[in-house]
C-alpha atoms as a PDB file:
ATOM      1  CA  MET A   1      -2.149  21.337   4.534  1.00  0.00           C
ATOM      2  CA  GLU A   2      -0.166  19.495   7.209  1.00  0.00           C
ATOM      3  CA  PHE A   3       1.499  16.068   7.032  1.00  0.00           C
ATOM      4  CA  LYS A   4       1.236  14.574  10.522  1.00  0.00           C
ATOM      5  CA  ARG A   5       2.494  11.202  11.734  1.00  0.00           C
ATOM      6  CA  ILE A   6       0.284   9.045  13.963  1.00  0.00           C
ATOM      7  CA  THR A   7       2.005   6.724  16.446  1.00  0.00           C
ATOM      8  CA  SER A   8      -0.803   5.882  18.875  1.00  0.00           C
ATOM      9  CA  ILE A   9      -4.448   4.837  18.767  1.00  0.00           C
ATOM     10  CA  GLU A  10      -4.948   7.441  21.503  1.00  0.00           C
ATOM     11  CA  ASP A  11      -4.168  10.226  19.020  1.00  0.00           C
ATOM     12  CA  PRO A  12      -7.509  11.975  18.276  1.00  0.00           C
ATOM     13  CA  LEU A  13      -6.545  12.094  14.612  1.00  0.00           C
ATOM     14  CA  PHE A  14      -6.451   8.297  14.488  1.00  0.00           C
ATOM     15  CA  ARG A  15     -10.190   7.933  15.097  1.00  0.00           C
ATOM     16  CA  SER A  16     -10.836  10.263  12.155  1.00  0.00           C
ATOM     17  CA  MET A  17      -8.349   8.330  10.038  1.00  0.00           C
ATOM     18  CA  HIS A  18      -9.918   4.950  10.879  1.00  0.00           C
ATOM     19  CA  ASP A  19     -13.408   6.272  10.159  1.00  0.00           C
ATOM     20  CA  LEU A  20     -12.161   7.484   6.774  1.00  0.00           C
ATOM     21  CA  MET A  21     -10.703   4.037   6.033  1.00  0.00           C
ATOM     22  CA  LYS A  22     -14.016   2.316   6.844  1.00  0.00           C
ATOM     23  CA  GLU A  23     -15.869   4.794   4.663  1.00  0.00           C
ATOM     24  CA  VAL A  24     -13.655   4.241   1.640  1.00  0.00           C
ATOM     25  CA  PHE A  25     -12.310   0.656   1.731  1.00  0.00           C
ATOM     26  CA  PRO A  26     -14.119  -2.720   1.692  1.00  0.00           C
ATOM     27  CA  PRO A  27     -14.307  -4.342   5.167  1.00  0.00           C
ATOM     28  CA  GLU A  28     -11.692  -6.992   4.326  1.00  0.00           C
ATOM     29  CA  GLU A  29      -9.143  -4.219   3.698  1.00  0.00           C
ATOM     30  CA  VAL A  30      -9.521  -2.519   7.105  1.00  0.00           C
ATOM     31  CA  LEU A  31      -7.758  -3.740  10.244  1.00  0.00           C
ATOM     32  CA  ASP A  32      -9.916  -3.551  13.385  1.00  0.00           C
ATOM     33  CA  TYR A  33      -9.405  -0.450  15.544  1.00  0.00           C
ATOM     34  CA  PRO A  34      -7.706  -2.115  18.574  1.00  0.00           C
ATOM     35  CA  LEU A  35      -5.377  -4.143  16.341  1.00  0.00           C
ATOM     36  CA  TRP A  36      -3.770  -0.887  15.199  1.00  0.00           C
ATOM     37  CA  LYS A  37      -2.026  -0.391  18.561  1.00  0.00           C
ATOM     38  CA  GLU A  38       1.141  -2.345  17.762  1.00  0.00           C
ATOM     39  CA  PRO A  39       1.495  -1.269  14.091  1.00  0.00           C
ATOM     40  CA  LEU A  40       1.262   2.402  15.068  1.00  0.00           C
ATOM     41  CA  GLU A  41       3.928   1.943  17.733  1.00  0.00           C
ATOM     42  CA  ASP A  42       6.253   0.097  15.311  1.00  0.00           C
ATOM     43  CA  PRO A  43       8.952   2.587  14.249  1.00  0.00           C
ATOM     44  CA  GLY A  44       9.227   0.859  10.863  1.00  0.00           C
ATOM     45  CA  ILE A  45       5.586   1.481   9.948  1.00  0.00           C
ATOM     46  CA  ARG A  46       4.900   5.063   8.954  1.00  0.00           C
ATOM     47  CA  VAL A  47       1.319   6.294   9.176  1.00  0.00           C
ATOM     48  CA  PHE A  48       0.610   9.896   8.209  1.00  0.00           C
ATOM     49  CA  VAL A  49      -2.530  11.954   7.747  1.00  0.00           C
ATOM     50  CA  ALA A  50      -3.152  15.042   5.659  1.00  0.00           C
ATOM     51  CA  VAL A  51      -4.859  17.637   7.843  1.00  0.00           C
ATOM     52  CA  HIS A  52      -6.686  20.551   6.233  1.00  0.00           C
ATOM     53  CA  GLU A  53      -8.339  23.183   8.425  1.00  0.00           C
ATOM     54  CA  GLY A  54      -8.210  20.799  11.386  1.00  0.00           C
ATOM     55  CA  LYS A  55      -9.833  17.888   9.529  1.00  0.00           C
ATOM     56  CA  VAL A  56      -8.275  14.620   8.350  1.00  0.00           C
ATOM     57  CA  VAL A  57      -8.761  14.699   4.571  1.00  0.00           C
ATOM     58  CA  GLY A  58      -6.351  11.947   3.558  1.00  0.00           C
ATOM     59  CA  THR A  59      -3.975   9.338   4.897  1.00  0.00           C
ATOM     60  CA  THR A  60      -1.169   7.044   3.826  1.00  0.00           C
ATOM     61  CA  GLU A  61       0.737   4.169   5.416  1.00  0.00           C
ATOM     62  CA  TYR A  62       4.055   2.904   4.134  1.00  0.00           C
ATOM     63  CA  ARG A  63       7.299   1.292   5.217  1.00  0.00           C
ATOM     64  CA  TYR A  64      10.904   0.999   4.080  1.00  0.00           C
ATOM     65  CA  TYR A  65      12.884  -2.245   4.036  1.00  0.00           C
ATOM     66  CA  GLU A  66      16.463  -1.067   4.331  1.00  0.00           C
ATOM     67  CA  ASP A  67      17.945  -4.540   3.829  1.00  0.00           C
ATOM     68  CA  TRP A  68      16.185  -4.949   0.459  1.00  0.00           C
ATOM     69  CA  GLN A  69      16.232  -1.243  -0.504  1.00  0.00           C
ATOM     70  CA  VAL A  70      12.515  -1.246  -1.296  1.00  0.00           C
ATOM     71  CA  ALA A  71       9.436   0.447   0.126  1.00  0.00           C
ATOM     72  CA  MET A  72       5.807  -0.617   0.351  1.00  0.00           C
ATOM     73  CA  THR A  73       2.808   1.670   0.174  1.00  0.00           C
ATOM     74  CA  ASP A  74       0.200  -0.039   2.339  1.00  0.00           C
ATOM     75  CA  PHE A  75      -2.560   2.364   1.362  1.00  0.00           C
ATOM     76  CA  THR A  76      -3.373   5.900   0.305  1.00  0.00           C
ATOM     77  CA  ILE A  77      -6.768   7.479   0.919  1.00  0.00           C
ATOM     78  CA  ILE A  78      -7.989  10.707  -0.630  1.00  0.00           C
ATOM     79  CA  GLY A  79     -10.970  12.010   1.308  1.00  0.00           C
ATOM     80  CA  GLY A  80     -12.194  14.579  -1.181  1.00  0.00           C
ATOM     81  CA  ALA A  81     -11.621  16.205  -4.551  1.00  0.00           C
ATOM     82  CA  GLY A  82     -10.226  19.614  -5.399  1.00  0.00           C
ATOM     83  CA  LEU A  83      -7.623  19.947  -2.649  1.00  0.00           C
ATOM     84  CA  GLY A  84      -4.615  18.245  -4.274  1.00  0.00           C
ATOM     85  CA  ILE A  85      -4.573  15.630  -1.495  1.00  0.00           C
ATOM     86  CA  GLY A  86      -3.198  12.814  -3.659  1.00  0.00           C
ATOM     87  CA  ARG A  87      -0.224  14.796  -4.918  1.00  0.00           C
ATOM     88  CA  PHE A  88       0.449  16.174  -1.436  1.00  0.00           C
ATOM     89  CA  LEU A  89       0.571  12.684   0.107  1.00  0.00           C
ATOM     90  CA  ALA A  90       2.648  11.194  -2.730  1.00  0.00           C
ATOM     91  CA  ARG A  91       5.184  14.031  -2.618  1.00  0.00           C
ATOM     92  CA  LYS A  92       5.561  14.012   1.167  1.00  0.00           C
ATOM     93  CA  ARG A  93       5.843  10.200   1.240  1.00  0.00           C
ATOM     94  CA  TRP A  94       8.532  10.156  -1.446  1.00  0.00           C
ATOM     95  CA  GLN A  95      10.541  12.850   0.342  1.00  0.00           C
ATOM     96  CA  ASP A  96      10.396  10.851   3.567  1.00  0.00           C
ATOM     97  CA  LEU A  97      11.447   7.638   1.812  1.00  0.00           C
ATOM     98  CA  GLU A  98      14.354   9.363   0.090  1.00  0.00           C
ATOM     99  CA  ARG A  99      15.515  10.585   3.499  1.00  0.00           C
ATOM    100  CA  LEU A 100      15.275   7.062   4.963  1.00  0.00           C
ATOM    101  CA  ALA A 101      17.229   5.640   2.035  1.00  0.00           C
ATOM    102  CA  ALA A 102      19.913   8.328   2.393  1.00  0.00           C
ATOM    103  CA  GLU A 103      20.245   7.525   6.101  1.00  0.00           C
ATOM    104  CA  SER A 104      20.762   3.850   5.233  1.00  0.00           C
ATOM    105  CA  GLY A 105      23.596   4.729   2.855  1.00  0.00           C
ATOM    106  CA  LYS A 106      22.017   2.785  -0.032  1.00  0.00           C
ATOM    107  CA  PRO A 107      19.699   4.021  -2.789  1.00  0.00           C
ATOM    108  CA  MET A 108      16.043   3.008  -2.900  1.00  0.00           C
ATOM    109  CA  LEU A 109      15.306   0.573  -5.732  1.00  0.00           C
ATOM    110  CA  GLY A 110      11.549   1.085  -5.813  1.00  0.00           C
ATOM    111  CA  MET A 111       8.228   0.710  -4.060  1.00  0.00           C
ATOM    112  CA  PHE A 112       5.588  -2.029  -3.988  1.00  0.00           C
ATOM    113  CA  ALA A 113       1.853  -1.351  -3.911  1.00  0.00           C
ATOM    114  CA  GLU A 114      -1.330  -3.376  -4.222  1.00  0.00           C
ATOM    115  CA  ILE A 115      -3.566  -1.739  -6.816  1.00  0.00           C
ATOM    116  CA  TYR A 116      -7.207  -2.580  -7.438  1.00  0.00           C
ATOM    117  CA  ASP A 117      -8.149  -4.049 -10.795  1.00  0.00           C
ATOM    118  CA  PRO A 118     -11.261  -1.985 -11.650  1.00  0.00           C
ATOM    119  CA  TYR A 119     -12.697  -4.844 -13.688  1.00  0.00           C
ATOM    120  CA  ARG A 120     -12.710  -7.125 -10.620  1.00  0.00           C
ATOM    121  CA  ILE A 121     -13.829  -4.650  -7.943  1.00  0.00           C
ATOM    122  CA  GLU A 122     -16.879  -3.267  -9.730  1.00  0.00           C
ATOM    123  CA  GLY A 123     -19.791  -2.460  -7.445  1.00  0.00           C
ATOM    124  CA  HIS A 124     -17.832  -0.941  -4.563  1.00  0.00           C
ATOM    125  CA  ALA A 125     -18.399   2.816  -4.277  1.00  0.00           C
ATOM    126  CA  PHE A 126     -15.238   3.629  -2.263  1.00  0.00           C
ATOM    127  CA  GLY A 127     -17.162   6.135  -0.197  1.00  0.00           C
ATOM    128  CA  GLY A 128     -18.394   7.962  -3.268  1.00  0.00           C
ATOM    129  CA  VAL A 129     -15.057   9.809  -3.495  1.00  0.00           C
ATOM    130  CA  LYS A 130     -14.276  10.042  -7.206  1.00  0.00           C
ATOM    131  CA  PRO A 131     -10.463  10.224  -6.823  1.00  0.00           C
ATOM    132  CA  MET A 132     -10.694   6.824  -5.083  1.00  0.00           C
ATOM    133  CA  ASP A 133     -12.525   5.231  -8.025  1.00  0.00           C
ATOM    134  CA  PRO A 134     -10.389   2.222  -9.097  1.00  0.00           C
ATOM    135  CA  TYR A 135     -10.347   3.352 -12.746  1.00  0.00           C
ATOM    136  CA  VAL A 136      -9.078   6.792 -11.757  1.00  0.00           C
ATOM    137  CA  ARG A 137      -6.561   5.497  -9.226  1.00  0.00           C
ATOM    138  CA  ARG A 138      -5.087   2.941 -11.596  1.00  0.00           C
ATOM    139  CA  GLU A 139      -4.529   5.552 -14.294  1.00  0.00           C
ATOM    140  CA  VAL A 140      -2.969   7.999 -11.820  1.00  0.00           C
ATOM    141  CA  LEU A 141      -0.636   5.322 -10.449  1.00  0.00           C
ATOM    142  CA  SER A 142       0.318   4.353 -13.989  1.00  0.00           C
ATOM    143  CA  HIS A 143       1.292   7.974 -14.612  1.00  0.00           C
ATOM    144  CA  LEU A 144       3.425   7.899 -11.448  1.00  0.00           C
ATOM    145  CA  GLY A 145       5.340   4.960 -12.944  1.00  0.00           C
ATOM    146  CA  TYR A 146       3.863   1.890 -11.248  1.00  0.00           C
ATOM    147  CA  LYS A 147       3.963  -1.340 -13.238  1.00  0.00           C
ATOM    148  CA  ARG A 148       2.037  -4.571 -12.727  1.00  0.00           C
ATOM    149  CA  ILE A 149       4.172  -7.535 -11.673  1.00  0.00           C
ATOM    150  CA  ASP A 150       3.260 -10.279 -14.122  1.00  0.00           C
ATOM    151  CA  PHE A 151       1.726 -13.063 -12.022  1.00  0.00           C
ATOM    152  CA  SER A 152      -1.723 -13.984 -10.715  1.00  0.00           C
ATOM    153  CA  TYR A 153      -1.981 -12.295  -7.334  1.00  0.00           C
ATOM    154  CA  VAL A 154      -4.049 -13.019  -4.242  1.00  0.00           C
ATOM    155  CA  HIS A 155      -3.588 -11.728  -0.741  1.00  0.00           C
ATOM    156  CA  PRO A 156      -4.864 -12.720   2.711  1.00  0.00           C
ATOM    157  CA  SER A 157      -7.864 -10.773   3.993  1.00  0.00           C
ATOM    158  CA  TRP A 158      -6.978  -8.254   6.692  1.00  0.00           C
ATOM    159  CA  GLU A 159      -9.959  -9.622   8.610  1.00  0.00           C
ATOM    160  CA  ASN A 160      -7.561 -12.549   9.323  1.00  0.00           C
ATOM    161  CA  ASN A 161     -10.241 -15.103   8.454  1.00  0.00           C
ATOM    162  CA  GLY A 162      -8.186 -17.127   5.972  1.00  0.00           C
ATOM    163  CA  GLU A 163     -10.051 -15.781   2.951  1.00  0.00           C
ATOM    164  CA  ALA A 164      -8.214 -14.938  -0.271  1.00  0.00           C
ATOM    165  CA  VAL A 165      -8.714 -11.488  -1.791  1.00  0.00           C
ATOM    166  CA  GLU A 166      -8.314 -11.504  -5.571  1.00  0.00           C
ATOM    167  CA  GLU A 167      -9.332  -8.021  -6.750  1.00  0.00           C
ATOM    168  CA  LEU A 168      -5.848  -6.501  -6.663  1.00  0.00           C
ATOM    169  CA  ASP A 169      -2.569  -6.662  -8.565  1.00  0.00           C
ATOM    170  CA  LEU A 170       0.834  -6.447  -6.919  1.00  0.00           C
ATOM    171  CA  CYS A 171       2.697  -3.611  -8.580  1.00  0.00           C
ATOM    172  CA  PHE A 172       6.127  -2.016  -8.376  1.00  0.00           C
ATOM    173  CA  LEU A 173       7.381   1.513  -8.963  1.00  0.00           C
ATOM    174  CA  PRO A 174      11.060   1.172  -9.961  1.00  0.00           C
ATOM    175  CA  THR A 175      13.324   4.155  -9.428  1.00  0.00           C
ATOM    176  CA  ASP A 176      14.858   3.170 -12.775  1.00  0.00           C
ATOM    177  CA  GLU A 177      11.957   3.773 -15.151  1.00  0.00           C
ATOM    178  CA  ASP A 178      13.601   1.546 -17.789  1.00  0.00           C
ATOM    179  CA  GLN A 179      13.517  -1.514 -15.512  1.00  0.00           C
ATOM    180  CA  VAL A 180      11.440  -4.249 -17.150  1.00  0.00           C
ATOM    181  CA  GLU A 181      11.681  -7.130 -14.642  1.00  0.00           C
ATOM    182  CA  ILE A 182      12.037  -7.835 -10.948  1.00  0.00           C
ATOM    183  CA  SER A 183      13.537 -10.670  -8.920  1.00  0.00           C
ATOM    184  CA  ALA A 184      10.889 -13.287  -8.100  1.00  0.00           C
ATOM    185  CA  ALA A 185      12.838 -14.178  -4.943  1.00  0.00           C
ATOM    186  CA  LEU A 186      12.607 -10.559  -3.766  1.00  0.00           C
ATOM    187  CA  VAL A 187       8.837 -10.540  -4.334  1.00  0.00           C
ATOM    188  CA  ALA A 188       8.435 -13.812  -2.410  1.00  0.00           C
ATOM    189  CA  LYS A 189      10.592 -12.657   0.518  1.00  0.00           C
ATOM    190  CA  PHE A 190       8.756  -9.369   0.662  1.00  0.00           C
ATOM    191  CA  LEU A 191       5.328 -11.048   0.726  1.00  0.00           C
ATOM    192  CA  ARG A 192       6.334 -13.500   3.449  1.00  0.00           C
ATOM    193  CA  ARG A 193       7.605 -10.698   5.674  1.00  0.00           C
ATOM    194  CA  TYR A 194       4.779  -8.297   4.904  1.00  0.00           C
ATOM    195  CA  TYR A 195       2.018 -10.804   5.700  1.00  0.00           C
ATOM    196  CA  ALA A 196       3.778 -12.455   8.653  1.00  0.00           C
ATOM    197  CA  VAL A 197       1.405 -10.531  10.937  1.00  0.00           C
ATOM    198  CA  LEU A 198      -1.593 -12.530   9.661  1.00  0.00           C
ATOM    199  CA  ALA A 199      -1.820 -16.018  11.133  1.00  0.00           C
ATOM    200  CA  ASN A 200      -4.627 -17.274   8.870  1.00  0.00           C
ATOM    201  CA  LYS A 201      -3.372 -17.270   5.319  1.00  0.00           C
ATOM    202  CA  PRO A 202      -5.359 -18.942   2.534  1.00  0.00           C
ATOM    203  CA  HIS A 203      -3.962 -21.971   0.734  1.00  0.00           C
ATOM    204  CA  ALA A 204      -4.056 -20.021  -2.527  1.00  0.00           C
ATOM    205  CA  TRP A 205      -1.641 -17.463  -1.058  1.00  0.00           C
ATOM    206  CA  GLU A 206       0.784 -20.109   0.185  1.00  0.00           C
ATOM    207  CA  ALA A 207       0.725 -21.839  -3.203  1.00  0.00           C
ATOM    208  CA  MET A 208       1.304 -18.524  -4.965  1.00  0.00           C
ATOM    209  CA  VAL A 209       4.370 -17.646  -2.870  1.00  0.00           C
ATOM    210  CA  ASP A 210       5.760 -21.182  -3.206  1.00  0.00           C
ATOM    211  CA  GLY A 211       5.444 -20.786  -6.957  1.00  0.00           C
ATOM    212  CA  LEU A 212       7.313 -17.476  -6.909  1.00  0.00           C
ATOM    213  CA  GLU A 213      10.193 -19.094  -5.044  1.00  0.00           C
ATOM    214  CA  GLY A 214      10.629 -21.465  -7.972  1.00  0.00           C
ATOM    215  CA  LYS A 215      11.067 -18.651 -10.487  1.00  0.00           C
ATOM    216  CA  GLU A 216      13.950 -16.310 -11.284  1.00  0.00           C
ATOM    217  CA  LYS A 217      12.439 -13.143 -12.778  1.00  0.00           C
ATOM    218  CA  LEU A 218       8.994 -11.584 -13.207  1.00  0.00           C
ATOM    219  CA  ALA A 219       8.138  -9.096 -15.924  1.00  0.00           C
ATOM    220  CA  LEU A 220       6.998  -5.571 -15.070  1.00  0.00           C
ATOM    221  CA  MET A 221       3.999  -4.812 -17.251  1.00  0.00           C
ATOM    222  CA  PRO A 222       2.093  -1.593 -17.997  1.00  0.00           C
ATOM    223  CA  LEU A 223      -0.923  -0.910 -15.790  1.00  0.00           C
END
């Protein structure tokens, strides 16, 4: 299996990747094809696909914020069972992030991720791919060490229509597995930067981030 980076919408692998995203994710979670041009060309956004026998079988997008020493996993898609795609992507991503952190001269503190709450996303088949089932994914990510940040989370729809999406939790994978809380200011700053690309943010999101800025610490809870 190969781990290949995509930096252009003209890359033939990108069409396969985007088709896989539309097959697996709800529409509000998928950025329109032409809007990918700038993100793919941004050196800070890392988009990779897993290629098996010439076919895109998985993909992941992530980024590293050197100034805050944290990463964000935008998404991970496993296109089929029985190939070890999830472990392959997670291992390759972590190796790449460790390299980026080493180049910055400061250790990585952890990685954010939005994780579906299976009790709020019931009814979506996620392309019929069992490893993408929210119950399965949440348990796997718990085993990897992710913890739910203890606050009510909403995020702006990637359709940029001002709608609030409420079926996910914001989680954090600390490099120190004994860490039990995270700076609320860090979470707020991260969210403002991460969603700066979307012009139409729902009022609920703005109120949520304003509330975080008034707090000091947030607990990290089991998934």
